[in-house]
């Protein structure tokens, strides 16, 4: 999943829950197009092996966790 893809999933979930009106267009750019002082790896995939070994349970699927966060935001906004 790219950062642009992740942002798209967040916005699509927010729109589906009517937290936002419409999904903005996301412009995908390469790392070279976003210069920073820090050097960035070409592949920055998260590895949950150490987390799972340390805490003794698997990390939740990110889509499941994202849905929970968006649902919580929706409930708090409705109050």
PDB file of N, CA and C in Angstrom:
ATOM      1  N   UNK A   1       0.846  -1.172   0.000  1.00  0.00           N
ATOM      2  CA  UNK A   1       0.000   0.000   0.000  1.00  0.00           C
ATOM      3  C   UNK A   1       0.891   1.234   0.000  1.00  0.00           C
ATOM      4  N   UNK A   2       0.661   2.096  -0.935  1.00  0.00           N
ATOM      5  CA  UNK A   2       1.393   3.362  -0.986  1.00  0.00           C
ATOM      6  C   UNK A   2       0.738   4.363  -0.031  1.00  0.00           C
ATOM      7  N   UNK A   3       1.448   5.452   0.251  1.00  0.00           N
ATOM      8  CA  UNK A   3       0.852   6.503   1.084  1.00  0.00           C
ATOM      9  C   UNK A   3      -0.361   7.096   0.394  1.00  0.00           C
ATOM     10  N   UNK A   4      -0.301   7.242  -0.925  1.00  0.00           N
ATOM     11  CA  UNK A   4      -1.443   7.767  -1.673  1.00  0.00           C
ATOM     12  C   UNK A   4      -2.626   6.796  -1.577  1.00  0.00           C
ATOM     13  N   UNK A   5      -2.356   5.512  -1.669  1.00  0.00           N
ATOM     14  CA  UNK A   5      -3.403   4.513  -1.533  1.00  0.00           C
ATOM     15  C   UNK A   5      -4.023   4.527  -0.151  1.00  0.00           C
ATOM     16  N   UNK A   6      -3.191   4.674   0.872  1.00  0.00           N
ATOM     17  CA  UNK A   6      -3.670   4.742   2.247  1.00  0.00           C
ATOM     18  C   UNK A   6      -4.558   5.968   2.443  1.00  0.00           C
ATOM     19  N   UNK A   7      -4.104   7.109   1.926  1.00  0.00           N
ATOM     20  CA  UNK A   7      -4.905   8.329   2.013  1.00  0.00           C
ATOM     21  C   UNK A   7      -6.243   8.136   1.308  1.00  0.00           C
ATOM     22  N   UNK A   8      -6.218   7.465   0.168  1.00  0.00           N
ATOM     23  CA  UNK A   8      -7.453   7.195  -0.561  1.00  0.00           C
ATOM     24  C   UNK A   8      -8.420   6.338   0.232  1.00  0.00           C
ATOM     25  N   UNK A   9      -7.900   5.331   0.925  1.00  0.00           N
ATOM     26  CA  UNK A   9      -8.740   4.471   1.770  1.00  0.00           C
ATOM     27  C   UNK A   9      -9.360   5.270   2.920  1.00  0.00           C
ATOM     28  N   UNK A  10      -8.592   6.152   3.515  1.00  0.00           N
ATOM     29  CA  UNK A  10      -9.099   6.997   4.603  1.00  0.00           C
ATOM     30  C   UNK A  10     -10.226   7.888   4.086  1.00  0.00           C
ATOM     31  N   UNK A  11      -9.988   8.551   2.973  1.00  0.00           N
ATOM     32  CA  UNK A  11     -10.990   9.464   2.430  1.00  0.00           C
ATOM     33  C   UNK A  11     -12.244   8.727   1.963  1.00  0.00           C
ATOM     34  N   UNK A  12     -12.076   7.568   1.339  1.00  0.00           N
ATOM     35  CA  UNK A  12     -13.234   6.784   0.896  1.00  0.00           C
ATOM     36  C   UNK A  12     -14.064   6.330   2.094  1.00  0.00           C
ATOM     37  N   UNK A  13     -13.396   5.897   3.157  1.00  0.00           N
ATOM     38  CA  UNK A  13     -14.106   5.496   4.366  1.00  0.00           C
ATOM     39  C   UNK A  13     -14.820   6.658   5.025  1.00  0.00           C
ATOM     40  N   UNK A  14     -14.169   7.821   5.024  1.00  0.00           N
ATOM     41  CA  UNK A  14     -14.780   9.018   5.608  1.00  0.00           C
ATOM     42  C   UNK A  14     -15.992   9.455   4.791  1.00  0.00           C
ATOM     43  N   UNK A  15     -15.889   9.370   3.477  1.00  0.00           N
ATOM     44  CA  UNK A  15     -17.019   9.741   2.628  1.00  0.00           C
ATOM     45  C   UNK A  15     -18.178   8.756   2.813  1.00  0.00           C
ATOM     46  N   UNK A  16     -17.884   7.481   2.889  1.00  0.00           N
ATOM     47  CA  UNK A  16     -18.922   6.465   3.073  1.00  0.00           C
ATOM     48  C   UNK A  16     -19.687   6.678   4.373  1.00  0.00           C
ATOM     49  N   UNK A  17     -19.021   7.213   5.373  1.00  0.00           N
ATOM     50  CA  UNK A  17     -19.655   7.478   6.668  1.00  0.00           C
ATOM     51  C   UNK A  17     -20.203   8.894   6.754  1.00  0.00           C
ATOM     52  N   UNK A  18     -20.140   9.596   5.646  1.00  0.00           N
ATOM     53  CA  UNK A  18     -20.622  10.981   5.546  1.00  0.00           C
ATOM     54  C   UNK A  18     -19.905  11.922   6.502  1.00  0.00           C
ATOM     55  N   UNK A  19     -18.624  11.640   6.725  1.00  0.00           N
ATOM     56  CA  UNK A  19     -17.803  12.535   7.543  1.00  0.00           C
ATOM     57  C   UNK A  19     -17.273  13.682   6.699  1.00  0.00           C
ATOM     58  N   UNK A  20     -17.197  13.460   5.393  1.00  0.00           N
ATOM     59  CA  UNK A  20     -16.786  14.484   4.444  1.00  0.00           C
ATOM     60  C   UNK A  20     -17.748  14.426   3.258  1.00  0.00           C
ATOM     61  N   UNK A  21     -17.845  15.515   2.536  1.00  0.00           N
ATOM     62  CA  UNK A  21     -18.715  15.561   1.366  1.00  0.00           C
ATOM     63  C   UNK A  21     -17.893  15.453   0.097  1.00  0.00           C
ATOM     64  N   UNK A  22     -17.756  14.262  -0.420  1.00  0.00           N
ATOM     65  CA  UNK A  22     -16.961  14.052  -1.630  1.00  0.00           C
ATOM     66  C   UNK A  22     -15.543  13.663  -1.297  1.00  0.00           C
ATOM     67  N   UNK A  23     -14.923  12.976  -2.210  1.00  0.00           N
ATOM     68  CA  UNK A  23     -13.547  12.529  -2.010  1.00  0.00           C
ATOM     69  C   UNK A  23     -12.609  13.385  -2.844  1.00  0.00           C
ATOM     70  N   UNK A  24     -11.700  14.115  -2.209  1.00  0.00           N
ATOM     71  CA  UNK A  24     -10.745  14.924  -2.968  1.00  0.00           C
ATOM     72  C   UNK A  24      -9.840  14.043  -3.831  1.00  0.00           C
ATOM     73  N   UNK A  25      -9.338  14.597  -4.887  1.00  0.00           N
ATOM     74  CA  UNK A  25      -8.398  13.867  -5.738  1.00  0.00           C
ATOM     75  C   UNK A  25      -7.033  13.824  -5.050  1.00  0.00           C
ATOM     76  N   UNK A  26      -6.413  12.683  -5.098  1.00  0.00           N
ATOM     77  CA  UNK A  26      -5.088  12.515  -4.501  1.00  0.00           C
ATOM     78  C   UNK A  26      -4.073  12.450  -5.629  1.00  0.00           C
ATOM     79  N   UNK A  27      -3.076  13.278  -5.540  1.00  0.00           N
ATOM     80  CA  UNK A  27      -2.025  13.284  -6.553  1.00  0.00           C
ATOM     81  C   UNK A  27      -0.879  12.398  -6.072  1.00  0.00           C
ATOM     82  N   UNK A  28      -0.654  11.326  -6.800  1.00  0.00           N
ATOM     83  CA  UNK A  28       0.444  10.421  -6.447  1.00  0.00           C
ATOM     84  C   UNK A  28       1.755  11.028  -6.925  1.00  0.00           C
ATOM     85  N   UNK A  29       2.742  11.043  -6.021  1.00  0.00           N
ATOM     86  CA  UNK A  29       4.071  11.528  -6.384  1.00  0.00           C
ATOM     87  C   UNK A  29       5.110  10.529  -5.898  1.00  0.00           C
ATOM     88  N   UNK A  30       6.243  10.553  -6.525  1.00  0.00           N
ATOM     89  CA  UNK A  30       7.348   9.707  -6.109  1.00  0.00           C
ATOM     90  C   UNK A  30       8.141  10.362  -5.002  1.00  0.00           C
ATOM     91  N   UNK A  31       8.927   9.585  -4.312  1.00  0.00           N
ATOM     92  CA  UNK A  31       9.752  10.114  -3.225  1.00  0.00           C
ATOM     93  C   UNK A  31      10.655  11.234  -3.707  1.00  0.00           C
ATOM     94  N   UNK A  32      11.198  11.098  -4.905  1.00  0.00           N
ATOM     95  CA  UNK A  32      12.095  12.126  -5.456  1.00  0.00           C
ATOM     96  C   UNK A  32      11.365  13.440  -5.684  1.00  0.00           C
ATOM     97  N   UNK A  33      10.037  13.388  -5.844  1.00  0.00           N
ATOM     98  CA  UNK A  33       9.255  14.601  -6.070  1.00  0.00           C
ATOM     99  C   UNK A  33       8.874  15.320  -4.783  1.00  0.00           C
ATOM    100  N   UNK A  34       9.217  14.726  -3.646  1.00  0.00           N
ATOM    101  CA  UNK A  34       8.918  15.325  -2.344  1.00  0.00           C
ATOM    102  C   UNK A  34      10.208  15.353  -1.537  1.00  0.00           C
ATOM    103  N   UNK A  35      11.075  16.312  -1.858  1.00  0.00           N
ATOM    104  CA  UNK A  35      12.392  16.332  -1.206  1.00  0.00           C
ATOM    105  C   UNK A  35      12.313  16.660   0.283  1.00  0.00           C
ATOM    106  N   UNK A  36      13.051  15.891   1.063  1.00  0.00           N
ATOM    107  CA  UNK A  36      13.181  16.143   2.494  1.00  0.00           C
ATOM    108  C   UNK A  36      14.644  15.972   2.875  1.00  0.00           C
ATOM    109  N   UNK A  37      14.987  16.474   4.030  1.00  0.00           N
ATOM    110  CA  UNK A  37      16.366  16.324   4.502  1.00  0.00           C
ATOM    111  C   UNK A  37      16.677  14.861   4.823  1.00  0.00           C
ATOM    112  N   UNK A  38      15.661  14.136   5.268  1.00  0.00           N
ATOM    113  CA  UNK A  38      15.853  12.724   5.617  1.00  0.00           C
ATOM    114  C   UNK A  38      15.841  11.863   4.361  1.00  0.00           C
ATOM    115  N   UNK A  39      16.706  10.880   4.330  1.00  0.00           N
ATOM    116  CA  UNK A  39      16.703   9.931   3.225  1.00  0.00           C
ATOM    117  C   UNK A  39      15.621   8.893   3.486  1.00  0.00           C
ATOM    118  N   UNK A  40      14.841   8.586   2.479  1.00  0.00           N
ATOM    119  CA  UNK A  40      13.725   7.652   2.615  1.00  0.00           C
ATOM    120  C   UNK A  40      14.035   6.353   1.883  1.00  0.00           C
ATOM    121  N   UNK A  41      13.668   5.214   2.480  1.00  0.00           N
ATOM    122  CA  UNK A  41      13.882   3.933   1.800  1.00  0.00           C
ATOM    123  C   UNK A  41      12.908   3.771   0.636  1.00  0.00           C
ATOM    124  N   UNK A  42      13.318   3.001  -0.361  1.00  0.00           N
ATOM    125  CA  UNK A  42      12.446   2.747  -1.509  1.00  0.00           C
ATOM    126  C   UNK A  42      11.229   1.927  -1.090  1.00  0.00           C
ATOM    127  N   UNK A  43      11.400   1.047  -0.120  1.00  0.00           N
ATOM    128  CA  UNK A  43      10.301   0.219   0.372  1.00  0.00           C
ATOM    129  C   UNK A  43      10.249   0.365   1.892  1.00  0.00           C
ATOM    130  N   UNK A  44       9.166   0.933   2.382  1.00  0.00           N
ATOM    131  CA  UNK A  44       9.058   1.147   3.831  1.00  0.00           C
ATOM    132  C   UNK A  44       7.896   0.348   4.423  1.00  0.00           C
ATOM    133  N   UNK A  45       7.705  -0.852   3.926  1.00  0.00           N
ATOM    134  CA  UNK A  45       6.639  -1.710   4.444  1.00  0.00           C
ATOM    135  C   UNK A  45       6.876  -2.019   5.916  1.00  0.00           C
ATOM    136  N   UNK A  46       5.801  -2.036   6.682  1.00  0.00           N
ATOM    137  CA  UNK A  46       5.910  -2.357   8.103  1.00  0.00           C
ATOM    138  C   UNK A  46       6.012  -3.863   8.300  1.00  0.00           C
ATOM    139  N   UNK A  47       6.887  -4.248   9.186  1.00  0.00           N
ATOM    140  CA  UNK A  47       7.045  -5.651   9.556  1.00  0.00           C
ATOM    141  C   UNK A  47       6.604  -5.774  11.010  1.00  0.00           C
ATOM    142  N   UNK A  48       5.563  -6.544  11.258  1.00  0.00           N
ATOM    143  CA  UNK A  48       5.002  -6.669  12.600  1.00  0.00           C
ATOM    144  C   UNK A  48       5.569  -7.839  13.386  1.00  0.00           C
ATOM    145  N   UNK A  49       6.590  -8.497  12.871  1.00  0.00           N
ATOM    146  CA  UNK A  49       7.161  -9.671  13.527  1.00  0.00           C
ATOM    147  C   UNK A  49       7.598  -9.355  14.957  1.00  0.00           C
ATOM    148  N   UNK A  50       8.340  -8.273  15.146  1.00  0.00           N
ATOM    149  CA  UNK A  50       8.839  -7.918  16.475  1.00  0.00           C
ATOM    150  C   UNK A  50       7.692  -7.514  17.409  1.00  0.00           C
ATOM    151  N   UNK A  51       6.735  -6.782  16.889  1.00  0.00           N
ATOM    152  CA  UNK A  51       5.563  -6.403  17.691  1.00  0.00           C
ATOM    153  C   UNK A  51       4.851  -7.650  18.203  1.00  0.00           C
ATOM    154  N   UNK A  52       4.588  -8.578  17.286  1.00  0.00           N
ATOM    155  CA  UNK A  52       3.868  -9.790  17.650  1.00  0.00           C
ATOM    156  C   UNK A  52       4.648 -10.635  18.651  1.00  0.00           C
ATOM    157  N   UNK A  53       5.965 -10.720  18.488  1.00  0.00           N
ATOM    158  CA  UNK A  53       6.794 -11.491  19.417  1.00  0.00           C
ATOM    159  C   UNK A  53       6.851 -10.819  20.787  1.00  0.00           C
ATOM    160  N   UNK A  54       6.926  -9.504  20.809  1.00  0.00           N
ATOM    161  CA  UNK A  54       7.032  -8.755  22.065  1.00  0.00           C
ATOM    162  C   UNK A  54       5.738  -8.800  22.872  1.00  0.00           C
ATOM    163  N   UNK A  55       4.603  -8.593  22.204  1.00  0.00           N
ATOM    164  CA  UNK A  55       3.333  -8.467  22.916  1.00  0.00           C
ATOM    165  C   UNK A  55       2.491  -9.743  22.902  1.00  0.00           C
ATOM    166  N   UNK A  56       2.895 -10.725  22.121  1.00  0.00           N
ATOM    167  CA  UNK A  56       2.240 -12.019  22.154  1.00  0.00           C
ATOM    168  C   UNK A  56       0.902 -12.120  21.437  1.00  0.00           C
ATOM    169  N   UNK A  57       0.615 -11.167  20.580  1.00  0.00           N
ATOM    170  CA  UNK A  57      -0.604 -11.275  19.769  1.00  0.00           C
ATOM    171  C   UNK A  57      -0.371 -10.572  18.432  1.00  0.00           C
ATOM    172  N   UNK A  58      -1.124 -10.985  17.423  1.00  0.00           N
ATOM    173  CA  UNK A  58      -0.909 -10.400  16.097  1.00  0.00           C
ATOM    174  C   UNK A  58      -1.473  -8.983  15.997  1.00  0.00           C
ATOM    175  N   UNK A  59      -0.851  -8.188  15.163  1.00  0.00           N
ATOM    176  CA  UNK A  59      -1.367  -6.851  14.886  1.00  0.00           C
ATOM    177  C   UNK A  59      -2.685  -6.989  14.125  1.00  0.00           C
ATOM    178  N   UNK A  60      -3.589  -6.079  14.371  1.00  0.00           N
ATOM    179  CA  UNK A  60      -4.879  -6.110  13.670  1.00  0.00           C
ATOM    180  C   UNK A  60      -4.694  -5.732  12.210  1.00  0.00           C
ATOM    181  N   UNK A  61      -5.537  -6.236  11.353  1.00  0.00           N
ATOM    182  CA  UNK A  61      -5.505  -5.773   9.966  1.00  0.00           C
ATOM    183  C   UNK A  61      -5.796  -4.271   9.920  1.00  0.00           C
ATOM    184  N   UNK A  62      -5.029  -3.543   9.136  1.00  0.00           N
ATOM    185  CA  UNK A  62      -5.142  -2.085   9.157  1.00  0.00           C
ATOM    186  C   UNK A  62      -6.504  -1.597   8.684  1.00  0.00           C
ATOM    187  N   UNK A  63      -7.120  -2.287   7.744  1.00  0.00           N
ATOM    188  CA  UNK A  63      -8.442  -1.847   7.276  1.00  0.00           C
ATOM    189  C   UNK A  63      -9.483  -1.953   8.401  1.00  0.00           C
ATOM    190  N   UNK A  64      -9.375  -2.981   9.200  1.00  0.00           N
ATOM    191  CA  UNK A  64     -10.277  -3.163  10.345  1.00  0.00           C
ATOM    192  C   UNK A  64     -10.079  -2.031  11.355  1.00  0.00           C
ATOM    193  N   UNK A  65      -8.829  -1.707  11.655  1.00  0.00           N
ATOM    194  CA  UNK A  65      -8.530  -0.638  12.606  1.00  0.00           C
ATOM    195  C   UNK A  65      -8.967   0.724  12.055  1.00  0.00           C
ATOM    196  N   UNK A  66      -8.763   0.946  10.763  1.00  0.00           N
ATOM    197  CA  UNK A  66      -9.186   2.205  10.149  1.00  0.00           C
ATOM    198  C   UNK A  66     -10.696   2.368  10.256  1.00  0.00           C
ATOM    199  N   UNK A  67     -11.446   1.310   9.975  1.00  0.00           N
ATOM    200  CA  UNK A  67     -12.904   1.373  10.076  1.00  0.00           C
ATOM    201  C   UNK A  67     -13.332   1.736  11.489  1.00  0.00           C
ATOM    202  N   UNK A  68     -12.673   1.164  12.485  1.00  0.00           N
ATOM    203  CA  UNK A  68     -13.010   1.475  13.877  1.00  0.00           C
ATOM    204  C   UNK A  68     -12.745   2.941  14.197  1.00  0.00           C
ATOM    205  N   UNK A  69     -11.616   3.446  13.742  1.00  0.00           N
ATOM    206  CA  UNK A  69     -11.270   4.854  13.998  1.00  0.00           C
ATOM    207  C   UNK A  69     -12.284   5.776  13.330  1.00  0.00           C
ATOM    208  N   UNK A  70     -12.621   5.498  12.075  1.00  0.00           N
ATOM    209  CA  UNK A  70     -13.585   6.343  11.376  1.00  0.00           C
ATOM    210  C   UNK A  70     -14.964   6.274  12.032  1.00  0.00           C
ATOM    211  N   UNK A  71     -15.360   5.090  12.487  1.00  0.00           N
ATOM    212  CA  UNK A  71     -16.637   4.962  13.204  1.00  0.00           C
ATOM    213  C   UNK A  71     -16.618   5.786  14.484  1.00  0.00           C
ATOM    214  N   UNK A  72     -15.521   5.751  15.199  1.00  0.00           N
ATOM    215  CA  UNK A  72     -15.395   6.520  16.444  1.00  0.00           C
ATOM    216  C   UNK A  72     -15.449   8.024  16.168  1.00  0.00           C
ATOM    217  N   UNK A  73     -14.784   8.458  15.106  1.00  0.00           N
ATOM    218  CA  UNK A  73     -14.827   9.876  14.737  1.00  0.00           C
ATOM    219  C   UNK A  73     -16.259  10.282  14.417  1.00  0.00           C
ATOM    220  N   UNK A  74     -16.977   9.417  13.698  1.00  0.00           N
ATOM    221  CA  UNK A  74     -18.359   9.711  13.358  1.00  0.00           C
ATOM    222  C   UNK A  74     -19.240   9.826  14.580  1.00  0.00           C
ATOM    223  N   UNK A  75     -19.064   8.951  15.545  1.00  0.00           N
ATOM    224  CA  UNK A  75     -19.868   8.986  16.771  1.00  0.00           C
ATOM    225  C   UNK A  75     -19.573  10.246  17.576  1.00  0.00           C
ATOM    226  N   UNK A  76     -18.295  10.616  17.662  1.00  0.00           N
ATOM    227  CA  UNK A  76     -17.930  11.810  18.425  1.00  0.00           C
ATOM    228  C   UNK A  76     -18.421  13.076  17.741  1.00  0.00           C
ATOM    229  N   UNK A  77     -18.394  13.083  16.404  1.00  0.00           N
ATOM    230  CA  UNK A  77     -18.876  14.254  15.668  1.00  0.00           C
ATOM    231  C   UNK A  77     -20.383  14.425  15.816  1.00  0.00           C
ATOM    232  N   UNK A  78     -21.105  13.330  16.006  1.00  0.00           N
ATOM    233  CA  UNK A  78     -22.558  13.379  16.126  1.00  0.00           C
ATOM    234  C   UNK A  78     -23.016  13.873  17.497  1.00  0.00           C
ATOM    235  N   UNK A  79     -22.133  13.876  18.476  1.00  0.00           N
ATOM    236  CA  UNK A  79     -22.505  14.279  19.847  1.00  0.00           C
ATOM    237  C   UNK A  79     -22.617  15.770  19.990  1.00  0.00           C
TER     238      UNK A  79
END
